[in-house]
């Protein structure tokens, strides 16, 4: 059984940095990886992967 540990964050400001995303989500738990996707003419999207699946549950409460 595969456990999801990644949350997708849409509609990010162009000014949002990886460091700011890390600081915001670090309250949920230890972060393994952050991937920021930029498509021309669209807001940024980030994928935040946590080390523990429980951290994902906490992160989802931040919305």
Protein backbone atom coordinates (compact mmCIF):
# COMPACT_ATOMS: atom_id res chain seq x y z
CA UNK A 1 0.00 0.00 0.00
CA UNK A 2 1.41 3.37 -1.03
CA UNK A 3 0.95 6.26 1.38
CA UNK A 4 0.61 9.79 0.02
CA UNK A 5 3.06 12.29 1.45
CA UNK A 6 2.82 15.10 -1.13
CA UNK A 7 0.54 18.12 -1.16
CA UNK A 8 -0.02 20.26 -4.26
CA UNK A 9 -0.13 24.02 -3.66
CA UNK A 10 -1.74 25.98 -6.50
CA UNK A 11 -2.04 29.67 -7.36
CA UNK A 12 1.22 30.69 -5.71
CA UNK A 13 2.41 34.24 -6.11
CA UNK A 14 5.29 34.72 -8.54
CA UNK A 15 7.11 36.27 -5.58
CA UNK A 16 6.82 33.15 -3.39
CA UNK A 17 10.20 31.51 -2.83
CA UNK A 18 11.10 27.92 -1.98
CA UNK A 19 12.37 29.15 1.38
CA UNK A 20 9.02 30.82 2.19
CA UNK A 21 7.10 27.70 1.19
CA UNK A 22 9.42 25.61 3.36
CA UNK A 23 8.97 27.94 6.35
CA UNK A 24 5.17 27.88 5.99
CA UNK A 25 4.83 24.10 5.73
CA UNK A 26 7.59 23.18 8.19
CA UNK A 27 5.08 23.68 11.00
CA UNK A 28 3.29 20.59 9.67
CA UNK A 29 6.32 18.33 9.84
CA UNK A 30 9.71 17.56 8.33
CA UNK A 31 9.86 18.28 4.60
CA UNK A 32 11.68 15.90 2.30
CA UNK A 33 11.43 17.85 -0.98
CA UNK A 34 9.82 20.90 -2.59
CA UNK A 35 9.31 21.14 -6.34
CA UNK A 36 8.14 24.43 -7.86
CA UNK A 37 6.54 24.32 -11.31
CA UNK A 38 6.36 27.43 -13.46
CA UNK A 39 4.32 27.53 -16.65
CA UNK A 40 4.37 30.62 -18.80
CA UNK A 41 1.32 32.81 -18.15
CA UNK A 42 0.10 30.75 -15.19
CA UNK A 43 0.58 31.07 -11.42
CA UNK A 44 3.26 28.88 -9.85
CA UNK A 45 2.43 25.49 -8.38
CA UNK A 46 4.45 23.71 -5.71
CA UNK A 47 4.59 20.09 -4.65
CA UNK A 48 5.64 19.67 -1.03
CA UNK A 49 6.67 16.15 0.01
CA UNK A 50 6.83 15.34 3.69
CA UNK A 51 8.83 12.55 5.33
CA UNK A 52 5.82 11.45 7.40
CA UNK A 53 2.28 10.97 6.00
CA UNK A 54 0.85 12.47 9.22
CA UNK A 55 2.49 15.79 8.29
CA UNK A 56 0.43 15.83 5.10
CA UNK A 57 -2.76 15.57 7.14
CA UNK A 58 -1.67 18.55 9.24
CA UNK A 59 -0.70 20.56 6.14
CA UNK A 60 -4.15 20.05 4.63
CA UNK A 61 -5.65 21.75 7.68
CA UNK A 62 -3.75 24.95 6.80
CA UNK A 63 -5.98 25.73 3.81
